[in-house]
Amino acid sequence: MGEAKPIAVVFDHNIYLDIARLVDEPYNEMKMRSAVMGHRPDPDNPSQLLDAAAAVLLASKGILSGRQRMQIWSSEWIERGVENAAKRSVADDGLGWQTASAASLRQELITNFAVIKTNGNSLSVVKDISYPNLSDDDASVFHTARQALALCSKSYCVTSDRRFRLNAPNLGVGMLAPAQFVAMIKSARA
């Protein structure tokens, strides 16, 4: 009997940026782990920054439950968007990080910690993706989750953006807030 297809999870830009806000410049995995230690996500009373970090930490284990594998997927669009937002000035809704720190955030958090650790995948930029009711950014993130369905049994998109969750088309991608995602993983592992 062959190995079951993994479950894919795609984190929206805002999840990685929330983690960056939580740990501050420069990103460091130990700062993220320390911040989350003892945190119990509550879907009824979310703590956006801590819930984002808890979601990525749980997914990075690469296991949903038992033998069911989980992979973190990303795309050039997501990774570049996180890096650009991290180095954009605070006045322009960015984090105001130094260029080297923003590049390190992308490399250390998304590429090394999330995608490579779980044997996930990072897709190249796909242009001219359009889904009704979604911004270009949301459409690109959603499309990454849709692409993952070709190789995975299920695909989830985790985002703090309520409008994105509500407006995403019903095309097989589960749309979850970070606290909902954490609750799903904990329930599966119970």
N, C-alpha and C. Protein backbone atom coordinates (compact mmCIF):
# COMPACT_ATOMS: atom_id res chain seq x y z
N MET A 1 0.83 -1.17 0.00
CA MET A 1 0.00 0.00 0.00
C MET A 1 0.88 1.24 0.00
N GLY A 2 0.59 2.18 -0.90
CA GLY A 2 1.38 3.40 -1.01
C GLY A 2 1.08 4.38 0.11
N GLU A 3 1.96 5.32 0.23
CA GLU A 3 1.81 6.36 1.25
C GLU A 3 0.69 7.31 0.86
N ALA A 4 -0.11 7.71 1.84
CA ALA A 4 -1.22 8.64 1.59
C ALA A 4 -0.68 9.99 1.14
N LYS A 5 -1.45 10.66 0.30
CA LYS A 5 -1.07 12.00 -0.12
C LYS A 5 -1.08 12.93 1.09
N PRO A 6 -0.14 13.86 1.13
CA PRO A 6 -0.11 14.81 2.26
C PRO A 6 -1.22 15.84 2.16
N ILE A 7 -1.41 16.55 3.23
CA ILE A 7 -2.30 17.71 3.27
C ILE A 7 -1.42 18.93 3.08
N ALA A 8 -1.89 19.88 2.27
CA ALA A 8 -1.14 21.11 2.03
C ALA A 8 -1.72 22.26 2.85
N VAL A 9 -0.85 23.11 3.33
CA VAL A 9 -1.29 24.34 3.98
C VAL A 9 -0.50 25.50 3.39
N VAL A 10 -1.22 26.55 3.04
CA VAL A 10 -0.62 27.76 2.49
C VAL A 10 -0.94 28.88 3.47
N PHE A 11 0.09 29.55 3.94
CA PHE A 11 -0.09 30.68 4.83
C PHE A 11 -0.08 31.97 4.02
N ASP A 12 -1.08 32.80 4.26
CA ASP A 12 -1.18 34.10 3.61
C ASP A 12 -0.04 34.99 4.09
N HIS A 13 0.26 36.05 3.32
CA HIS A 13 1.29 37.02 3.70
C HIS A 13 1.13 37.46 5.15
N ASN A 14 -0.13 37.75 5.54
CA ASN A 14 -0.36 38.35 6.84
C ASN A 14 0.06 37.44 8.00
N ILE A 15 0.09 36.15 7.80
CA ILE A 15 0.52 35.23 8.85
C ILE A 15 2.01 35.43 9.12
N TYR A 16 2.81 35.44 8.07
CA TYR A 16 4.25 35.63 8.22
C TYR A 16 4.57 37.03 8.76
N LEU A 17 3.81 38.03 8.32
CA LEU A 17 4.04 39.39 8.81
C LEU A 17 3.62 39.53 10.27
N ASP A 18 2.57 38.82 10.68
CA ASP A 18 2.20 38.83 12.10
C ASP A 18 3.30 38.23 12.96
N ILE A 19 3.93 37.18 12.46
CA ILE A 19 5.06 36.58 13.20
C ILE A 19 6.20 37.59 13.29
N ALA A 20 6.47 38.29 12.20
CA ALA A 20 7.52 39.31 12.22
C ALA A 20 7.21 40.40 13.24
N ARG A 21 5.95 40.81 13.32
CA ARG A 21 5.56 41.82 14.31
C ARG A 21 5.74 41.28 15.73
N LEU A 22 5.46 40.02 15.91
CA LEU A 22 5.56 39.39 17.23
C LEU A 22 7.00 39.37 17.74
N VAL A 23 7.93 38.98 16.87
CA VAL A 23 9.32 38.80 17.31
C VAL A 23 10.18 40.03 17.08
N ASP A 24 9.75 40.94 16.23
CA ASP A 24 10.46 42.16 15.89
C ASP A 24 11.76 41.83 15.14
N GLU A 25 12.35 42.85 14.60
CA GLU A 25 13.55 42.72 13.77
C GLU A 25 14.77 42.39 14.63
N PRO A 26 15.61 41.49 14.21
CA PRO A 26 15.49 40.56 13.10
C PRO A 26 14.73 39.30 13.54
N TYR A 27 14.15 38.60 12.55
CA TYR A 27 13.45 37.35 12.84
C TYR A 27 14.43 36.32 13.39
N ASN A 28 13.95 35.55 14.35
CA ASN A 28 14.73 34.46 14.92
C ASN A 28 13.75 33.40 15.40
N GLU A 29 13.97 32.15 15.00
CA GLU A 29 13.05 31.07 15.35
C GLU A 29 12.89 30.93 16.86
N MET A 30 13.95 31.09 17.61
CA MET A 30 13.86 30.93 19.07
C MET A 30 12.99 32.03 19.69
N LYS A 31 13.04 33.24 19.14
CA LYS A 31 12.17 34.31 19.64
C LYS A 31 10.71 33.95 19.38
N MET A 32 10.43 33.35 18.22
CA MET A 32 9.06 32.94 17.91
C MET A 32 8.60 31.83 18.87
N ARG A 33 9.44 30.84 19.07
CA ARG A 33 9.09 29.73 19.97
C ARG A 33 8.86 30.24 21.40
N SER A 34 9.73 31.11 21.86
CA SER A 34 9.60 31.66 23.22
C SER A 34 8.31 32.45 23.39
N ALA A 35 7.94 33.22 22.38
CA ALA A 35 6.72 34.03 22.45
C ALA A 35 5.48 33.16 22.54
N VAL A 36 5.50 32.02 21.86
CA VAL A 36 4.33 31.15 21.79
C VAL A 36 4.24 30.18 22.97
N MET A 37 5.34 29.95 23.63
CA MET A 37 5.35 28.99 24.72
C MET A 37 4.23 29.28 25.73
N GLY A 38 3.40 28.29 25.97
CA GLY A 38 2.32 28.41 26.93
C GLY A 38 1.05 29.05 26.37
N HIS A 39 1.08 29.55 25.12
CA HIS A 39 -0.10 30.17 24.51
C HIS A 39 -1.10 29.10 24.10
N ARG A 40 -2.35 29.32 24.44
CA ARG A 40 -3.44 28.42 24.06
C ARG A 40 -4.41 29.17 23.15
N PRO A 41 -4.28 28.98 21.82
CA PRO A 41 -5.18 29.70 20.90
C PRO A 41 -6.64 29.40 21.20
N ASP A 42 -7.45 30.43 21.14
CA ASP A 42 -8.88 30.33 21.41
C ASP A 42 -9.63 30.94 20.24
N PRO A 43 -10.33 30.11 19.43
CA PRO A 43 -11.04 30.65 18.27
C PRO A 43 -12.07 31.73 18.63
N ASP A 44 -12.58 31.71 19.87
CA ASP A 44 -13.57 32.70 20.28
C ASP A 44 -12.94 34.00 20.78
N ASN A 45 -11.65 33.97 21.07
CA ASN A 45 -10.94 35.15 21.57
C ASN A 45 -9.51 35.15 21.02
N PRO A 46 -9.37 35.37 19.71
CA PRO A 46 -8.06 35.22 19.08
C PRO A 46 -7.04 36.28 19.49
N SER A 47 -5.80 35.85 19.51
CA SER A 47 -4.66 36.74 19.67
C SER A 47 -3.89 36.62 18.36
N GLN A 48 -4.14 37.53 17.46
CA GLN A 48 -3.69 37.40 16.07
C GLN A 48 -2.22 37.05 15.92
N LEU A 49 -1.33 37.74 16.59
CA LEU A 49 0.10 37.50 16.41
C LEU A 49 0.51 36.14 16.96
N LEU A 50 0.06 35.82 18.16
CA LEU A 50 0.41 34.53 18.76
C LEU A 50 -0.23 33.36 18.01
N ASP A 51 -1.47 33.53 17.58
CA ASP A 51 -2.14 32.47 16.83
C ASP A 51 -1.42 32.19 15.51
N ALA A 52 -0.93 33.24 14.84
CA ALA A 52 -0.20 33.05 13.59
C ALA A 52 1.06 32.22 13.83
N ALA A 53 1.80 32.56 14.87
CA ALA A 53 3.03 31.82 15.17
C ALA A 53 2.72 30.39 15.58
N ALA A 54 1.68 30.19 16.38
CA ALA A 54 1.31 28.83 16.80
C ALA A 54 0.92 27.98 15.59
N ALA A 55 0.21 28.57 14.63
CA ALA A 55 -0.20 27.84 13.43
C ALA A 55 1.01 27.37 12.62
N VAL A 56 1.96 28.27 12.40
CA VAL A 56 3.15 27.90 11.63
C VAL A 56 3.99 26.87 12.38
N LEU A 57 4.15 27.05 13.68
CA LEU A 57 4.93 26.08 14.46
C LEU A 57 4.31 24.69 14.42
N LEU A 58 3.00 24.59 14.58
CA LEU A 58 2.36 23.27 14.53
C LEU A 58 2.45 22.65 13.15
N ALA A 59 2.24 23.44 12.12
CA ALA A 59 2.32 22.91 10.75
C ALA A 59 3.74 22.49 10.40
N SER A 60 4.73 23.17 10.97
CA SER A 60 6.13 22.87 10.62
C SER A 60 6.56 21.48 11.09
N LYS A 61 5.79 20.86 11.93
CA LYS A 61 6.11 19.49 12.36
C LYS A 61 5.90 18.50 11.22
N GLY A 62 5.14 18.89 10.21
CA GLY A 62 4.96 18.06 9.02
C GLY A 62 4.00 16.91 9.20
N ILE A 63 3.29 16.87 10.31
CA ILE A 63 2.34 15.79 10.59
C ILE A 63 1.02 16.40 11.05
N LEU A 64 -0.09 15.95 10.45
CA LEU A 64 -1.39 16.36 10.97
C LEU A 64 -1.72 15.49 12.17
N SER A 65 -1.73 14.18 11.95
CA SER A 65 -1.95 13.22 13.03
C SER A 65 -1.51 11.85 12.53
N GLY A 66 -1.10 11.00 13.46
CA GLY A 66 -0.69 9.65 13.07
C GLY A 66 0.32 9.69 11.94
N ARG A 67 -0.08 9.09 10.83
CA ARG A 67 0.81 9.03 9.66
C ARG A 67 0.42 10.03 8.57
N GLN A 68 -0.56 10.88 8.85
CA GLN A 68 -1.01 11.87 7.86
C GLN A 68 -0.03 13.03 7.82
N ARG A 69 0.72 13.12 6.71
CA ARG A 69 1.71 14.18 6.55
C ARG A 69 1.06 15.51 6.17
N MET A 70 1.74 16.57 6.51
CA MET A 70 1.30 17.92 6.17
C MET A 70 2.49 18.66 5.58
N GLN A 71 2.26 19.35 4.48
CA GLN A 71 3.31 20.14 3.83
C GLN A 71 2.90 21.61 3.79
N ILE A 72 3.87 22.47 4.02
CA ILE A 72 3.64 23.91 3.87
C ILE A 72 4.04 24.29 2.45
N TRP A 73 3.12 24.89 1.74
CA TRP A 73 3.37 25.35 0.38
C TRP A 73 3.44 26.88 0.38
N SER A 74 4.19 27.40 -0.56
CA SER A 74 4.32 28.83 -0.71
C SER A 74 4.47 29.15 -2.19
N SER A 75 4.73 30.38 -2.49
CA SER A 75 4.98 30.79 -3.87
C SER A 75 5.90 31.99 -3.87
N GLU A 76 6.49 32.22 -5.00
CA GLU A 76 7.35 33.40 -5.16
C GLU A 76 6.56 34.66 -4.82
N TRP A 77 5.28 34.69 -5.19
CA TRP A 77 4.42 35.85 -4.93
C TRP A 77 4.30 36.10 -3.42
N ILE A 78 4.04 35.05 -2.66
CA ILE A 78 3.90 35.18 -1.21
C ILE A 78 5.23 35.61 -0.60
N GLU A 79 6.29 34.93 -0.95
CA GLU A 79 7.60 35.18 -0.36
C GLU A 79 8.10 36.59 -0.67
N ARG A 80 7.95 37.00 -1.91
CA ARG A 80 8.38 38.34 -2.29
C ARG A 80 7.50 39.39 -1.62
N GLY A 81 6.19 39.10 -1.51
CA GLY A 81 5.27 40.03 -0.85
C GLY A 81 5.62 40.24 0.62
N VAL A 82 5.99 39.15 1.31
CA VAL A 82 6.39 39.26 2.72
C VAL A 82 7.66 40.09 2.84
N GLU A 83 8.64 39.78 2.00
CA GLU A 83 9.92 40.51 2.06
C GLU A 83 9.71 41.99 1.77
N ASN A 84 8.92 42.30 0.75
CA ASN A 84 8.69 43.70 0.39
C ASN A 84 7.93 44.44 1.49
N ALA A 85 6.93 43.80 2.09
CA ALA A 85 6.17 44.44 3.16
C ALA A 85 7.04 44.65 4.39
N ALA A 86 7.95 43.73 4.66
CA ALA A 86 8.83 43.86 5.83
C ALA A 86 9.76 45.06 5.67
N LYS A 87 10.24 45.33 4.47
CA LYS A 87 11.18 46.45 4.30
C LYS A 87 10.50 47.77 3.92
N ARG A 88 9.21 47.72 3.59
CA ARG A 88 8.48 48.95 3.29
C ARG A 88 8.35 49.78 4.57
N SER A 89 8.33 51.08 4.45
CA SER A 89 8.28 51.94 5.63
C SER A 89 6.96 51.75 6.40
N VAL A 90 7.03 52.03 7.67
CA VAL A 90 5.84 51.93 8.53
C VAL A 90 4.76 52.89 8.04
N ALA A 91 5.18 54.05 7.56
CA ALA A 91 4.23 55.04 7.04
C ALA A 91 3.46 54.50 5.84
N ASP A 92 4.05 53.54 5.13
CA ASP A 92 3.42 52.92 3.96
C ASP A 92 2.87 51.53 4.30
N ASP A 93 2.48 51.33 5.55
CA ASP A 93 1.90 50.06 6.03
C ASP A 93 2.86 48.88 5.99
N GLY A 94 4.14 49.16 6.06
CA GLY A 94 5.14 48.10 6.15
C GLY A 94 5.65 47.96 7.57
N LEU A 95 6.71 47.19 7.72
CA LEU A 95 7.31 46.99 9.04
C LEU A 95 8.52 47.88 9.27
N GLY A 96 9.09 48.43 8.19
CA GLY A 96 10.24 49.32 8.31
C GLY A 96 11.54 48.60 8.63
N TRP A 97 11.64 47.32 8.27
CA TRP A 97 12.85 46.54 8.56
C TRP A 97 13.95 46.88 7.56
N GLN A 98 15.18 46.66 7.97
CA GLN A 98 16.32 46.79 7.07
C GLN A 98 16.21 45.74 5.97
N THR A 99 16.79 46.02 4.82
CA THR A 99 16.71 45.11 3.67
C THR A 99 17.24 43.72 4.01
N ALA A 100 18.37 43.65 4.70
CA ALA A 100 18.96 42.35 5.05
C ALA A 100 18.06 41.57 6.00
N SER A 101 17.42 42.25 6.94
CA SER A 101 16.51 41.58 7.87
C SER A 101 15.27 41.08 7.16
N ALA A 102 14.76 41.85 6.20
CA ALA A 102 13.59 41.42 5.43
C ALA A 102 13.91 40.19 4.59
N ALA A 103 15.09 40.18 3.97
CA ALA A 103 15.52 39.02 3.18
C ALA A 103 15.71 37.80 4.08
N SER A 104 16.24 38.01 5.27
CA SER A 104 16.44 36.92 6.22
C SER A 104 15.10 36.36 6.70
N LEU A 105 14.12 37.24 6.91
CA LEU A 105 12.78 36.79 7.30
C LEU A 105 12.24 35.83 6.25
N ARG A 106 12.35 36.22 5.00
CA ARG A 106 11.88 35.37 3.90
C ARG A 106 12.61 34.04 3.89
N GLN A 107 13.93 34.09 3.94
CA GLN A 107 14.74 32.88 3.84
C GLN A 107 14.58 31.98 5.07
N GLU A 108 14.70 32.56 6.25
CA GLU A 108 14.71 31.75 7.47
C GLU A 108 13.32 31.25 7.88
N LEU A 109 12.31 32.11 7.79
CA LEU A 109 10.98 31.71 8.23
C LEU A 109 10.23 30.92 7.16
N ILE A 110 10.16 31.46 5.96
CA ILE A 110 9.34 30.80 4.94
C ILE A 110 10.08 29.65 4.28
N THR A 111 11.22 29.94 3.68
CA THR A 111 11.91 28.90 2.90
C THR A 111 12.48 27.80 3.78
N ASN A 112 13.36 28.15 4.70
CA ASN A 112 14.03 27.11 5.49
C ASN A 112 13.13 26.47 6.53
N PHE A 113 12.47 27.28 7.35
CA PHE A 113 11.70 26.74 8.47
C PHE A 113 10.41 26.08 8.02
N ALA A 114 9.68 26.70 7.12
CA ALA A 114 8.36 26.19 6.76
C ALA A 114 8.40 25.22 5.58
N VAL A 115 8.79 25.69 4.42
CA VAL A 115 8.66 24.90 3.20
C VAL A 115 9.63 23.71 3.18
N ILE A 116 10.92 23.95 3.36
CA ILE A 116 11.90 22.87 3.27
C ILE A 116 11.71 21.85 4.38
N LYS A 117 11.45 22.31 5.58
CA LYS A 117 11.32 21.40 6.73
C LYS A 117 10.17 20.40 6.55
N THR A 118 9.10 20.78 5.85
CA THR A 118 7.95 19.90 5.69
C THR A 118 7.91 19.22 4.31
N ASN A 119 8.97 19.36 3.53
CA ASN A 119 9.00 18.84 2.15
C ASN A 119 7.90 19.45 1.31
N GLY A 120 7.58 20.69 1.58
CA GLY A 120 6.55 21.39 0.82
C GLY A 120 7.09 21.86 -0.51
N ASN A 121 6.45 22.84 -1.07
CA ASN A 121 6.80 23.29 -2.39
C ASN A 121 6.64 24.81 -2.46
N SER A 122 7.48 25.44 -3.24
CA SER A 122 7.35 26.87 -3.49
C SER A 122 7.18 27.05 -4.99
N LEU A 123 6.04 27.58 -5.39
CA LEU A 123 5.72 27.72 -6.80
C LEU A 123 6.27 29.03 -7.35
N SER A 124 6.56 29.02 -8.63
CA SER A 124 7.00 30.26 -9.27
C SER A 124 5.78 31.17 -9.42
N VAL A 125 6.02 32.38 -9.80
CA VAL A 125 4.93 33.35 -9.95
C VAL A 125 4.07 32.94 -11.14
N VAL A 126 2.78 32.90 -10.91
CA VAL A 126 1.83 32.65 -11.98
C VAL A 126 1.08 33.95 -12.21
N LYS A 127 1.16 34.46 -13.42
CA LYS A 127 0.55 35.76 -13.72
C LYS A 127 -0.87 35.59 -14.25
N ASP A 128 -1.58 36.68 -14.20
CA ASP A 128 -2.95 36.74 -14.72
C ASP A 128 -3.89 35.75 -14.05
N ILE A 129 -3.75 35.60 -12.75
CA ILE A 129 -4.66 34.78 -11.98
C ILE A 129 -5.78 35.69 -11.50
N SER A 130 -7.00 35.28 -11.72
CA SER A 130 -8.12 36.12 -11.30
C SER A 130 -9.22 35.25 -10.73
N TYR A 131 -9.67 35.62 -9.58
CA TYR A 131 -10.84 35.00 -8.97
C TYR A 131 -11.78 36.15 -8.60
N PRO A 132 -13.05 36.04 -8.96
CA PRO A 132 -13.99 37.12 -8.62
C PRO A 132 -13.97 37.39 -7.12
N ASN A 133 -14.08 38.63 -6.75
CA ASN A 133 -14.16 39.08 -5.36
C ASN A 133 -12.85 39.00 -4.59
N LEU A 134 -11.74 38.66 -5.23
CA LEU A 134 -10.46 38.59 -4.54
C LEU A 134 -9.50 39.61 -5.13
N SER A 135 -8.70 40.24 -4.27
CA SER A 135 -7.64 41.13 -4.74
C SER A 135 -6.58 40.30 -5.46
N ASP A 136 -5.68 40.96 -6.15
CA ASP A 136 -4.60 40.23 -6.84
C ASP A 136 -3.77 39.43 -5.84
N ASP A 137 -3.45 40.03 -4.68
CA ASP A 137 -2.68 39.32 -3.66
C ASP A 137 -3.42 38.08 -3.18
N ASP A 138 -4.69 38.25 -2.81
CA ASP A 138 -5.47 37.12 -2.31
C ASP A 138 -5.64 36.05 -3.39
N ALA A 139 -5.84 36.48 -4.62
CA ALA A 139 -6.00 35.52 -5.72
C ALA A 139 -4.74 34.68 -5.90
N SER A 140 -3.58 35.30 -5.77
CA SER A 140 -2.32 34.56 -5.92
C SER A 140 -2.11 33.57 -4.78
N VAL A 141 -2.45 33.97 -3.56
CA VAL A 141 -2.34 33.06 -2.42
C VAL A 141 -3.32 31.90 -2.60
N PHE A 142 -4.56 32.23 -2.97
CA PHE A 142 -5.59 31.20 -3.17
C PHE A 142 -5.17 30.24 -4.28
N HIS A 143 -4.61 30.79 -5.35
CA HIS A 143 -4.18 29.95 -6.47
C HIS A 143 -3.07 28.97 -6.04
N THR A 144 -2.18 29.41 -5.17
CA THR A 144 -1.15 28.52 -4.65
C THR A 144 -1.80 27.34 -3.92
N ALA A 145 -2.81 27.62 -3.11
CA ALA A 145 -3.52 26.55 -2.41
C ALA A 145 -4.25 25.64 -3.40
N ARG A 146 -4.81 26.19 -4.45
CA ARG A 146 -5.48 25.38 -5.48
C ARG A 146 -4.47 24.49 -6.21
N GLN A 147 -3.29 25.03 -6.51
CA GLN A 147 -2.26 24.24 -7.19
C GLN A 147 -1.82 23.05 -6.34
N ALA A 148 -1.77 23.25 -5.04
CA ALA A 148 -1.35 22.18 -4.12
C ALA A 148 -2.29 20.98 -4.19
N LEU A 149 -3.55 21.22 -4.52
CA LEU A 149 -4.52 20.12 -4.60
C LEU A 149 -4.14 19.07 -5.64
N ALA A 150 -3.35 19.45 -6.62
CA ALA A 150 -2.94 18.49 -7.65
C ALA A 150 -2.07 17.37 -7.07
N LEU A 151 -1.34 17.67 -6.00
CA LEU A 151 -0.43 16.68 -5.40
C LEU A 151 -0.79 16.30 -3.97
N CYS A 152 -1.79 16.94 -3.41
CA CYS A 152 -2.14 16.71 -2.01
C CYS A 152 -3.61 16.29 -1.90
N SER A 153 -3.94 15.63 -0.79
CA SER A 153 -5.31 15.17 -0.60
C SER A 153 -6.27 16.29 -0.24
N LYS A 154 -5.78 17.30 0.48
CA LYS A 154 -6.56 18.46 0.87
C LYS A 154 -5.63 19.66 0.87
N SER A 155 -6.25 20.84 0.80
CA SER A 155 -5.46 22.06 0.85
C SER A 155 -6.19 23.08 1.71
N TYR A 156 -5.42 23.71 2.60
CA TYR A 156 -5.96 24.75 3.47
C TYR A 156 -5.19 26.04 3.25
N CYS A 157 -5.91 27.14 3.31
CA CYS A 157 -5.30 28.46 3.27
C CYS A 157 -5.58 29.10 4.62
N VAL A 158 -4.53 29.49 5.31
CA VAL A 158 -4.66 30.10 6.63
C VAL A 158 -4.38 31.59 6.50
N THR A 159 -5.36 32.40 6.90
CA THR A 159 -5.23 33.84 6.77
C THR A 159 -5.94 34.55 7.92
N SER A 160 -5.40 35.67 8.32
CA SER A 160 -6.04 36.51 9.33
C SER A 160 -7.08 37.44 8.71
N ASP A 161 -7.12 37.45 7.39
CA ASP A 161 -8.00 38.35 6.64
C ASP A 161 -9.41 37.74 6.51
N ARG A 162 -10.30 38.24 7.33
CA ARG A 162 -11.68 37.70 7.36
C ARG A 162 -12.36 37.86 5.99
N ARG A 163 -12.17 39.00 5.35
CA ARG A 163 -12.79 39.23 4.04
C ARG A 163 -12.30 38.20 3.01
N PHE A 164 -11.02 37.89 3.04
CA PHE A 164 -10.46 36.89 2.14
C PHE A 164 -11.13 35.53 2.41
N ARG A 165 -11.24 35.16 3.68
CA ARG A 165 -11.87 33.87 4.02
C ARG A 165 -13.31 33.81 3.52
N LEU A 166 -14.03 34.92 3.66
CA LEU A 166 -15.44 34.93 3.26
C LEU A 166 -15.64 35.00 1.74
N ASN A 167 -14.74 35.68 1.04
CA ASN A 167 -14.90 35.88 -0.40
C ASN A 167 -14.25 34.81 -1.27
N ALA A 168 -13.44 33.96 -0.68
CA ALA A 168 -12.77 32.92 -1.48
C ALA A 168 -13.80 31.98 -2.09
N PRO A 169 -13.61 31.62 -3.35
CA PRO A 169 -14.57 30.71 -3.98
C PRO A 169 -14.50 29.32 -3.35
N ASN A 170 -15.58 28.60 -3.44
CA ASN A 170 -15.64 27.25 -2.89
C ASN A 170 -15.11 26.27 -3.95
N LEU A 171 -13.80 26.17 -4.01
CA LEU A 171 -13.15 25.32 -5.02
C LEU A 171 -12.23 24.28 -4.38
N GLY A 172 -12.61 23.78 -3.22
CA GLY A 172 -11.85 22.71 -2.59
C GLY A 172 -10.79 23.13 -1.61
N VAL A 173 -10.60 24.42 -1.41
CA VAL A 173 -9.59 24.92 -0.47
C VAL A 173 -10.29 25.32 0.82
N GLY A 174 -9.86 24.76 1.93
CA GLY A 174 -10.40 25.15 3.23
C GLY A 174 -9.80 26.46 3.66
N MET A 175 -10.63 27.42 3.99
CA MET A 175 -10.19 28.75 4.41
C MET A 175 -10.34 28.86 5.91
N LEU A 176 -9.23 29.05 6.63
CA LEU A 176 -9.24 29.06 8.08
C LEU A 176 -8.49 30.24 8.66
N ALA A 177 -8.97 30.73 9.79
CA ALA A 177 -8.23 31.70 10.60
C ALA A 177 -7.15 30.91 11.35
N PRO A 178 -6.08 31.56 11.78
CA PRO A 178 -5.02 30.83 12.49
C PRO A 178 -5.53 30.03 13.69
N ALA A 179 -6.38 30.61 14.52
CA ALA A 179 -6.88 29.89 15.70
C ALA A 179 -7.71 28.67 15.29
N GLN A 180 -8.46 28.78 14.19
CA GLN A 180 -9.24 27.63 13.70
C GLN A 180 -8.30 26.53 13.21
N PHE A 181 -7.24 26.92 12.53
CA PHE A 181 -6.26 25.94 12.04
C PHE A 181 -5.60 25.21 13.20
N VAL A 182 -5.19 25.95 14.22
CA VAL A 182 -4.56 25.34 15.39
C VAL A 182 -5.54 24.39 16.07
N ALA A 183 -6.79 24.80 16.20
CA ALA A 183 -7.80 23.93 16.82
C ALA A 183 -8.00 22.65 16.01
N MET A 184 -7.98 22.76 14.67
CA MET A 184 -8.13 21.60 13.82
C MET A 184 -6.97 20.62 14.03
N ILE A 185 -5.76 21.13 14.08
CA ILE A 185 -4.59 20.27 14.28
C ILE A 185 -4.65 19.61 15.65
N LYS A 186 -4.93 20.38 16.67
CA LYS A 186 -4.99 19.82 18.02
C LYS A 186 -6.08 18.77 18.16
N SER A 187 -7.21 18.99 17.51
CA SER A 187 -8.30 18.01 17.53
C SER A 187 -7.89 16.73 16.82
N ALA A 188 -7.20 16.87 15.68
CA ALA A 188 -6.75 15.69 14.93
C ALA A 188 -5.70 14.90 15.70
N ARG A 189 -4.92 15.58 16.50
CA ARG A 189 -3.83 14.91 17.26
C ARG A 189 -4.30 14.38 18.62
N ALA A 190 -5.53 14.73 19.00
CA ALA A 190 -6.03 14.29 20.33
C ALA A 190 -6.33 12.81 20.36
